[in-house]
Amino acid sequence: PQGDCPPNKVKTVMLTGAKMTKCLQLARLFWKAGHRVVMVESHKYWLTGHRYSRAVSKFHTVPAPEKDPEGYAKALVDLAIEENVDIFVPVSSPASSVYSAMAKERLQKHCEVLHF
């Protein structure tokens, strides 16, 4: 991370919807502020160019939420634990946001969830 964030204030932020430009923009903003960014996308879009941004510390794929809602939620929780995520920000499509909302209860046991 870069930025003026003191080391003891650096957060790990997990963003879904990695294939979308809005996700990349958020990643850049969090990174520029000094935070560590973990991007997540469904397996189908594993080759998104956004994964190669210097703002992205780690990139992971998860099951497609519309095909495997339980697997999607479990994968998000597993990643939150594995990556020591402090904040989860779903940036997925409107159709997928329902599944992120369904995972919120499980995720908030491990990190803060920004979900509107």
Foldseek 3Di string as FASTA:
>chain_A
DDADQPPVRAFEEEEEPQLDPVRLVVLVVSVHNPHAYEYEYAPVPVPRPSCPDPSHPYYYHWHDCVVPLPRRLVVVQVCCVVVVHAEYEYPHDPVCLVSVVVSVVVNVVRYHYDHD
